[in-house]
N, C-alpha and C. Protein backbone atom coordinates (compact mmCIF):
# COMPACT_ATOMS: atom_id res chain seq x y z
N UNK A 1 -1.06 -12.96 -28.56
CA UNK A 1 -1.03 -13.69 -27.31
C UNK A 1 -0.79 -12.71 -26.16
N UNK A 2 -1.55 -12.85 -25.10
CA UNK A 2 -1.42 -11.95 -23.95
C UNK A 2 -0.11 -12.20 -23.22
N UNK A 3 0.39 -11.13 -22.61
CA UNK A 3 1.60 -11.28 -21.81
C UNK A 3 1.30 -12.16 -20.60
N UNK A 4 2.29 -12.92 -20.18
CA UNK A 4 2.16 -13.79 -19.03
C UNK A 4 2.14 -12.94 -17.76
N UNK A 5 1.24 -13.29 -16.85
CA UNK A 5 1.21 -12.64 -15.54
C UNK A 5 2.48 -13.06 -14.79
N UNK A 6 3.14 -12.11 -14.18
CA UNK A 6 4.34 -12.40 -13.40
C UNK A 6 3.96 -12.59 -11.95
N UNK A 7 4.72 -13.44 -11.27
CA UNK A 7 4.41 -13.80 -9.88
C UNK A 7 5.45 -13.28 -8.91
N UNK A 8 4.99 -12.49 -7.96
CA UNK A 8 5.80 -12.11 -6.81
C UNK A 8 5.32 -13.00 -5.67
N UNK A 9 6.21 -13.81 -5.13
CA UNK A 9 5.86 -14.77 -4.09
C UNK A 9 6.47 -14.29 -2.78
N UNK A 10 5.62 -14.07 -1.80
CA UNK A 10 6.10 -13.74 -0.45
C UNK A 10 6.08 -15.02 0.35
N UNK A 11 7.22 -15.38 0.89
CA UNK A 11 7.35 -16.58 1.72
C UNK A 11 7.60 -16.17 3.16
N UNK A 12 6.94 -16.85 4.09
CA UNK A 12 7.18 -16.57 5.49
C UNK A 12 6.73 -17.75 6.33
N UNK A 13 7.12 -17.73 7.59
CA UNK A 13 6.77 -18.77 8.54
C UNK A 13 6.29 -18.16 9.83
N UNK A 14 6.29 -18.96 10.90
CA UNK A 14 5.83 -18.56 12.22
C UNK A 14 4.48 -17.87 12.10
N UNK A 15 4.34 -16.63 12.55
CA UNK A 15 3.05 -15.93 12.47
C UNK A 15 2.85 -15.15 11.20
N UNK A 16 3.84 -15.13 10.33
CA UNK A 16 3.71 -14.43 9.06
C UNK A 16 3.82 -12.92 9.15
N UNK A 17 4.38 -12.40 10.24
CA UNK A 17 4.44 -10.95 10.43
C UNK A 17 5.25 -10.22 9.37
N UNK A 18 6.41 -10.74 9.03
CA UNK A 18 7.24 -10.10 8.00
C UNK A 18 6.52 -10.16 6.66
N UNK A 19 6.01 -11.34 6.31
CA UNK A 19 5.30 -11.50 5.05
C UNK A 19 4.06 -10.63 4.96
N UNK A 20 3.33 -10.51 6.06
CA UNK A 20 2.12 -9.68 6.07
C UNK A 20 2.47 -8.22 5.84
N UNK A 21 3.52 -7.75 6.48
CA UNK A 21 3.92 -6.35 6.28
C UNK A 21 4.36 -6.11 4.84
N UNK A 22 5.09 -7.06 4.26
CA UNK A 22 5.48 -6.93 2.85
C UNK A 22 4.25 -6.93 1.95
N UNK A 23 3.31 -7.83 2.20
CA UNK A 23 2.08 -7.89 1.39
C UNK A 23 1.33 -6.56 1.47
N UNK A 24 1.23 -6.01 2.66
CA UNK A 24 0.53 -4.73 2.85
C UNK A 24 1.23 -3.61 2.05
N UNK A 25 2.54 -3.59 2.07
CA UNK A 25 3.30 -2.55 1.37
C UNK A 25 3.21 -2.71 -0.15
N UNK A 26 3.21 -3.95 -0.61
CA UNK A 26 3.26 -4.18 -2.05
C UNK A 26 1.88 -4.20 -2.72
N UNK A 27 0.87 -4.70 -2.04
CA UNK A 27 -0.45 -4.88 -2.66
C UNK A 27 -0.99 -3.59 -3.25
N UNK A 28 -0.80 -2.49 -2.56
CA UNK A 28 -1.38 -1.22 -3.03
C UNK A 28 -0.56 -0.59 -4.17
N UNK A 29 0.66 -1.07 -4.40
CA UNK A 29 1.52 -0.49 -5.43
C UNK A 29 1.92 -1.48 -6.51
N UNK A 30 1.31 -2.65 -6.51
CA UNK A 30 1.68 -3.71 -7.43
C UNK A 30 1.48 -3.27 -8.89
N UNK A 31 2.52 -3.31 -9.70
CA UNK A 31 2.37 -2.92 -11.10
C UNK A 31 1.43 -3.86 -11.86
N UNK A 32 0.82 -3.34 -12.89
CA UNK A 32 -0.05 -4.15 -13.73
C UNK A 32 0.76 -5.30 -14.31
N UNK A 33 0.15 -6.46 -14.41
CA UNK A 33 0.82 -7.63 -14.96
C UNK A 33 1.49 -8.50 -13.91
N UNK A 34 1.39 -8.11 -12.64
CA UNK A 34 1.98 -8.87 -11.53
C UNK A 34 0.87 -9.35 -10.60
N UNK A 35 1.07 -10.54 -10.02
CA UNK A 35 0.20 -11.02 -8.96
C UNK A 35 1.04 -11.30 -7.74
N UNK A 36 0.42 -11.17 -6.57
CA UNK A 36 1.10 -11.31 -5.29
C UNK A 36 0.59 -12.58 -4.61
N UNK A 37 1.47 -13.57 -4.49
CA UNK A 37 1.12 -14.84 -3.87
C UNK A 37 1.74 -14.96 -2.49
N UNK A 38 0.98 -15.49 -1.54
CA UNK A 38 1.47 -15.73 -0.19
C UNK A 38 1.72 -17.22 -0.03
N UNK A 39 2.91 -17.59 0.38
CA UNK A 39 3.21 -18.98 0.65
C UNK A 39 3.81 -19.08 2.03
N UNK A 40 3.13 -19.79 2.91
CA UNK A 40 3.57 -19.92 4.28
C UNK A 40 4.07 -21.30 4.61
N UNK A 41 4.98 -21.37 5.55
CA UNK A 41 5.42 -22.68 6.04
C UNK A 41 4.34 -23.29 6.92
N UNK A 42 3.39 -22.46 7.37
CA UNK A 42 2.27 -22.93 8.18
C UNK A 42 1.04 -22.09 7.85
N UNK A 43 -0.11 -22.56 8.28
CA UNK A 43 -1.37 -21.90 7.91
C UNK A 43 -1.50 -20.51 8.53
N UNK A 44 -0.93 -20.29 9.71
CA UNK A 44 -1.01 -18.96 10.33
C UNK A 44 -0.28 -17.92 9.49
N UNK A 45 0.89 -18.28 9.00
CA UNK A 45 1.66 -17.35 8.17
C UNK A 45 0.91 -17.04 6.88
N UNK A 46 0.38 -18.06 6.24
CA UNK A 46 -0.36 -17.85 5.00
C UNK A 46 -1.58 -16.96 5.24
N UNK A 47 -2.33 -17.23 6.29
CA UNK A 47 -3.53 -16.45 6.59
C UNK A 47 -3.19 -14.98 6.84
N UNK A 48 -2.11 -14.73 7.55
CA UNK A 48 -1.71 -13.33 7.83
C UNK A 48 -1.38 -12.59 6.54
N UNK A 49 -0.68 -13.26 5.62
CA UNK A 49 -0.31 -12.62 4.35
C UNK A 49 -1.53 -12.39 3.46
N UNK A 50 -2.47 -13.33 3.46
CA UNK A 50 -3.70 -13.15 2.68
C UNK A 50 -4.52 -11.99 3.24
N UNK A 51 -4.64 -11.92 4.54
CA UNK A 51 -5.39 -10.83 5.18
C UNK A 51 -4.76 -9.48 4.86
N UNK A 52 -3.44 -9.46 4.68
CA UNK A 52 -2.72 -8.20 4.41
C UNK A 52 -2.77 -7.78 2.95
N UNK A 53 -3.28 -8.63 2.05
CA UNK A 53 -3.43 -8.18 0.68
C UNK A 53 -2.94 -9.09 -0.43
N UNK A 54 -2.33 -10.23 -0.10
CA UNK A 54 -1.92 -11.16 -1.16
C UNK A 54 -3.17 -11.71 -1.84
N UNK A 55 -3.09 -11.97 -3.14
CA UNK A 55 -4.28 -12.39 -3.89
C UNK A 55 -4.58 -13.88 -3.76
N UNK A 56 -3.57 -14.69 -3.54
CA UNK A 56 -3.74 -16.13 -3.38
C UNK A 56 -2.75 -16.63 -2.35
N UNK A 57 -3.02 -17.82 -1.81
CA UNK A 57 -2.09 -18.35 -0.83
C UNK A 57 -2.04 -19.86 -0.85
N UNK A 58 -0.94 -20.39 -0.36
CA UNK A 58 -0.75 -21.83 -0.24
C UNK A 58 0.17 -22.07 0.96
N UNK A 59 0.12 -23.28 1.47
CA UNK A 59 0.83 -23.58 2.71
C UNK A 59 1.59 -24.90 2.61
N UNK A 60 2.77 -24.93 3.21
CA UNK A 60 3.50 -26.17 3.40
C UNK A 60 4.70 -26.34 2.49
N UNK A 61 5.42 -27.43 2.74
CA UNK A 61 6.67 -27.68 2.02
C UNK A 61 6.47 -27.76 0.51
N UNK A 62 5.49 -28.53 0.08
CA UNK A 62 5.29 -28.65 -1.37
C UNK A 62 4.91 -27.32 -2.00
N UNK A 63 4.11 -26.53 -1.30
CA UNK A 63 3.72 -25.21 -1.83
C UNK A 63 4.93 -24.31 -2.00
N UNK A 64 5.85 -24.36 -1.04
CA UNK A 64 7.08 -23.56 -1.15
C UNK A 64 7.89 -24.02 -2.35
N UNK A 65 8.10 -25.31 -2.47
CA UNK A 65 8.91 -25.86 -3.56
C UNK A 65 8.29 -25.55 -4.92
N UNK A 66 6.99 -25.79 -5.06
CA UNK A 66 6.29 -25.57 -6.32
C UNK A 66 6.30 -24.09 -6.73
N UNK A 67 5.97 -23.22 -5.79
CA UNK A 67 5.87 -21.80 -6.13
C UNK A 67 7.21 -21.11 -6.28
N UNK A 68 8.24 -21.59 -5.59
CA UNK A 68 9.58 -21.02 -5.79
C UNK A 68 10.03 -21.24 -7.23
N UNK A 69 9.68 -22.39 -7.79
CA UNK A 69 10.07 -22.70 -9.17
C UNK A 69 9.30 -21.85 -10.18
N UNK A 70 8.11 -21.40 -9.83
CA UNK A 70 7.26 -20.63 -10.75
C UNK A 70 7.38 -19.12 -10.55
N UNK A 71 8.10 -18.70 -9.52
CA UNK A 71 8.16 -17.28 -9.17
C UNK A 71 9.07 -16.49 -10.10
N UNK A 72 8.73 -15.23 -10.28
CA UNK A 72 9.61 -14.28 -10.96
C UNK A 72 10.38 -13.46 -9.92
N UNK A 73 9.79 -13.35 -8.72
CA UNK A 73 10.39 -12.59 -7.63
C UNK A 73 9.98 -13.27 -6.33
N UNK A 74 10.94 -13.46 -5.43
CA UNK A 74 10.68 -14.06 -4.12
C UNK A 74 11.09 -13.05 -3.05
N UNK A 75 10.22 -12.88 -2.06
CA UNK A 75 10.50 -11.98 -0.93
C UNK A 75 10.28 -12.73 0.37
N UNK A 76 11.08 -12.40 1.38
CA UNK A 76 10.87 -12.98 2.69
C UNK A 76 12.10 -12.87 3.55
N UNK A 77 12.04 -13.43 4.76
CA UNK A 77 13.20 -13.38 5.66
C UNK A 77 14.34 -14.25 5.14
N UNK A 78 15.55 -13.90 5.48
CA UNK A 78 16.74 -14.59 5.00
C UNK A 78 16.77 -16.06 5.40
N UNK A 79 16.10 -16.41 6.48
CA UNK A 79 16.05 -17.79 6.94
C UNK A 79 15.45 -18.76 5.93
N UNK A 80 14.78 -18.24 4.91
CA UNK A 80 14.18 -19.09 3.88
C UNK A 80 15.20 -19.81 3.02
N UNK A 81 16.42 -19.31 2.98
CA UNK A 81 17.42 -19.97 2.13
C UNK A 81 18.35 -20.85 2.95
N UNK A 82 17.99 -21.07 4.23
CA UNK A 82 18.83 -21.88 5.11
C UNK A 82 18.07 -23.11 5.57
N UNK A 83 18.67 -24.29 5.39
CA UNK A 83 18.06 -25.50 5.91
C UNK A 83 17.85 -25.33 7.41
N UNK A 84 16.66 -25.66 7.87
CA UNK A 84 16.27 -25.55 9.27
C UNK A 84 16.14 -24.11 9.75
N UNK A 85 16.05 -23.16 8.82
CA UNK A 85 15.86 -21.76 9.17
C UNK A 85 14.48 -21.53 9.77
N UNK A 86 14.28 -20.34 10.29
CA UNK A 86 13.03 -19.93 10.92
C UNK A 86 12.62 -20.97 11.98
N UNK A 87 13.54 -21.20 12.90
CA UNK A 87 13.33 -22.12 14.01
C UNK A 87 12.92 -23.53 13.56
N UNK A 88 13.49 -23.96 12.44
CA UNK A 88 13.24 -25.31 11.95
C UNK A 88 12.07 -25.44 11.00
N UNK A 89 11.37 -24.35 10.70
CA UNK A 89 10.22 -24.43 9.80
C UNK A 89 10.62 -24.60 8.34
N UNK A 90 11.86 -24.29 8.00
CA UNK A 90 12.33 -24.41 6.62
C UNK A 90 13.10 -25.72 6.49
N UNK A 91 12.53 -26.65 5.75
CA UNK A 91 13.19 -27.93 5.54
C UNK A 91 14.36 -27.75 4.57
N UNK A 92 15.29 -28.69 4.54
CA UNK A 92 16.37 -28.60 3.55
C UNK A 92 15.84 -28.52 2.12
N UNK A 93 14.75 -29.23 1.82
CA UNK A 93 14.18 -29.18 0.47
C UNK A 93 13.62 -27.80 0.15
N UNK A 94 13.00 -27.16 1.12
CA UNK A 94 12.47 -25.81 0.91
C UNK A 94 13.61 -24.83 0.66
N UNK A 95 14.64 -24.90 1.49
CA UNK A 95 15.78 -24.00 1.34
C UNK A 95 16.43 -24.17 -0.03
N UNK A 96 16.58 -25.42 -0.47
CA UNK A 96 17.18 -25.67 -1.78
C UNK A 96 16.30 -25.12 -2.89
N UNK A 97 14.99 -25.25 -2.77
CA UNK A 97 14.07 -24.75 -3.79
C UNK A 97 14.13 -23.23 -3.89
N UNK A 98 14.15 -22.56 -2.75
CA UNK A 98 14.18 -21.10 -2.76
C UNK A 98 15.53 -20.60 -3.26
N UNK A 99 16.62 -21.13 -2.71
CA UNK A 99 17.94 -20.64 -3.12
C UNK A 99 18.25 -21.02 -4.56
N UNK A 100 17.71 -22.13 -5.03
CA UNK A 100 17.97 -22.57 -6.40
C UNK A 100 17.03 -22.00 -7.44
N UNK A 101 16.01 -21.28 -7.01
CA UNK A 101 15.06 -20.69 -7.94
C UNK A 101 15.74 -19.64 -8.81
N UNK A 102 15.32 -19.56 -10.06
CA UNK A 102 15.85 -18.55 -10.97
C UNK A 102 15.27 -17.16 -10.67
N UNK A 103 14.28 -17.09 -9.81
CA UNK A 103 13.65 -15.81 -9.47
C UNK A 103 14.64 -14.87 -8.79
N UNK A 104 14.42 -13.58 -9.01
CA UNK A 104 15.15 -12.59 -8.21
C UNK A 104 14.66 -12.73 -6.78
N UNK A 105 15.55 -12.51 -5.83
CA UNK A 105 15.20 -12.66 -4.42
C UNK A 105 15.52 -11.39 -3.65
N UNK A 106 14.55 -10.96 -2.84
CA UNK A 106 14.74 -9.83 -1.95
C UNK A 106 14.51 -10.39 -0.55
N UNK A 107 15.61 -10.48 0.22
CA UNK A 107 15.56 -11.13 1.52
C UNK A 107 15.77 -10.12 2.65
N UNK A 108 15.04 -10.30 3.71
CA UNK A 108 15.11 -9.42 4.87
C UNK A 108 16.11 -10.01 5.87
N UNK A 109 17.16 -9.27 6.22
CA UNK A 109 18.08 -9.79 7.22
C UNK A 109 17.43 -9.76 8.60
N UNK A 110 17.51 -10.89 9.29
CA UNK A 110 17.02 -10.95 10.66
C UNK A 110 18.05 -11.71 11.48
N UNK A 111 18.21 -11.33 12.71
CA UNK A 111 19.20 -11.99 13.55
C UNK A 111 18.63 -13.22 14.24
N UNK A 112 17.35 -13.49 14.09
CA UNK A 112 16.74 -14.61 14.79
C UNK A 112 17.29 -15.96 14.32
N UNK A 113 17.84 -16.01 13.14
CA UNK A 113 18.42 -17.26 12.64
C UNK A 113 19.91 -17.34 12.95
N UNK A 114 20.44 -16.33 13.62
CA UNK A 114 21.86 -16.34 13.95
C UNK A 114 22.75 -16.05 12.76
N UNK A 115 22.18 -15.42 11.72
CA UNK A 115 22.95 -15.07 10.53
C UNK A 115 23.04 -13.56 10.47
N UNK A 116 24.25 -13.07 10.30
CA UNK A 116 24.48 -11.64 10.17
C UNK A 116 25.13 -11.40 8.82
N UNK A 117 24.59 -10.48 8.06
CA UNK A 117 25.09 -10.21 6.72
C UNK A 117 26.03 -9.01 6.80
N UNK A 118 27.29 -9.26 6.50
CA UNK A 118 28.28 -8.18 6.53
C UNK A 118 27.90 -7.12 5.50
N UNK A 119 28.08 -5.89 5.89
CA UNK A 119 27.80 -4.79 4.97
C UNK A 119 26.40 -4.23 5.09
N UNK A 120 25.53 -4.90 5.83
CA UNK A 120 24.19 -4.33 6.02
C UNK A 120 24.22 -3.35 7.19
N UNK A 121 23.37 -2.37 7.10
CA UNK A 121 23.26 -1.40 8.18
C UNK A 121 22.41 -2.00 9.29
N UNK A 122 22.63 -1.57 10.50
CA UNK A 122 21.78 -1.98 11.61
C UNK A 122 20.54 -1.08 11.58
N UNK A 123 19.43 -1.64 11.12
CA UNK A 123 18.19 -0.89 10.98
C UNK A 123 17.07 -1.57 11.75
N UNK A 124 16.02 -0.84 12.01
CA UNK A 124 14.81 -1.44 12.57
C UNK A 124 14.15 -2.27 11.48
N UNK A 125 13.41 -3.29 11.87
CA UNK A 125 12.75 -4.18 10.92
C UNK A 125 11.89 -3.40 9.93
N UNK A 126 11.17 -2.39 10.38
CA UNK A 126 10.31 -1.61 9.50
C UNK A 126 11.11 -0.96 8.37
N UNK A 127 12.33 -0.52 8.69
CA UNK A 127 13.17 0.10 7.67
C UNK A 127 13.66 -0.95 6.65
N UNK A 128 14.02 -2.12 7.13
CA UNK A 128 14.40 -3.20 6.21
C UNK A 128 13.23 -3.56 5.30
N UNK A 129 12.03 -3.62 5.87
CA UNK A 129 10.85 -3.96 5.07
C UNK A 129 10.57 -2.91 4.01
N UNK A 130 10.70 -1.64 4.36
CA UNK A 130 10.47 -0.57 3.37
C UNK A 130 11.50 -0.67 2.25
N UNK A 131 12.77 -0.90 2.61
CA UNK A 131 13.81 -1.06 1.59
C UNK A 131 13.51 -2.26 0.70
N UNK A 132 13.05 -3.36 1.30
CA UNK A 132 12.73 -4.56 0.53
C UNK A 132 11.57 -4.31 -0.43
N UNK A 133 10.54 -3.64 0.06
CA UNK A 133 9.38 -3.33 -0.81
C UNK A 133 9.80 -2.41 -1.95
N UNK A 134 10.60 -1.41 -1.65
CA UNK A 134 11.08 -0.49 -2.69
C UNK A 134 11.91 -1.23 -3.74
N UNK A 135 12.79 -2.12 -3.27
CA UNK A 135 13.63 -2.90 -4.21
C UNK A 135 12.76 -3.81 -5.07
N UNK A 136 11.78 -4.46 -4.44
CA UNK A 136 10.89 -5.35 -5.18
C UNK A 136 10.12 -4.59 -6.25
N UNK A 137 9.57 -3.44 -5.89
CA UNK A 137 8.82 -2.65 -6.87
C UNK A 137 9.72 -2.19 -8.01
N UNK A 138 10.96 -1.84 -7.71
CA UNK A 138 11.90 -1.45 -8.76
C UNK A 138 12.17 -2.62 -9.70
N UNK A 139 12.26 -3.82 -9.16
CA UNK A 139 12.48 -5.00 -10.00
C UNK A 139 11.26 -5.35 -10.84
N UNK A 140 10.08 -4.99 -10.38
CA UNK A 140 8.83 -5.30 -11.11
C UNK A 140 8.57 -4.32 -12.25
N UNK A 141 9.09 -3.14 -12.14
CA UNK A 141 8.81 -2.13 -13.17
C UNK A 141 9.78 -2.29 -14.34
N UNK A 142 9.24 -2.14 -15.55
CA UNK A 142 10.12 -2.28 -16.74
C UNK A 142 11.15 -1.19 -16.86
């Protein structure tokens, strides 16, 4: 029996800028046996992540809930685990699905949600994204 393909799910909202940058960084280095899925809270976010290199995409609350449960790894801004995060684009059901998923999670700290994570360094977004991509790739490799 063939090994199961593992799913790295990038979740994002608004214009999908964070998710698109993550997709761009990961798509070219994705280990064999992994697929990169884009799931947006809106169609603009999903389209940006697909254009950046994700292999498949889906949009909306149900897509977030369904794919969070099937993911082996979830990446995106920290607002994804907060009800009403990302300026209200994350419903309480979405936040519960992402935070309750058994998948490993690599979250990007952003101050736009008014959440500050103690112990994190003050870095530019690009540096956080590079660290997130590096951590994700380390988690994907055996």
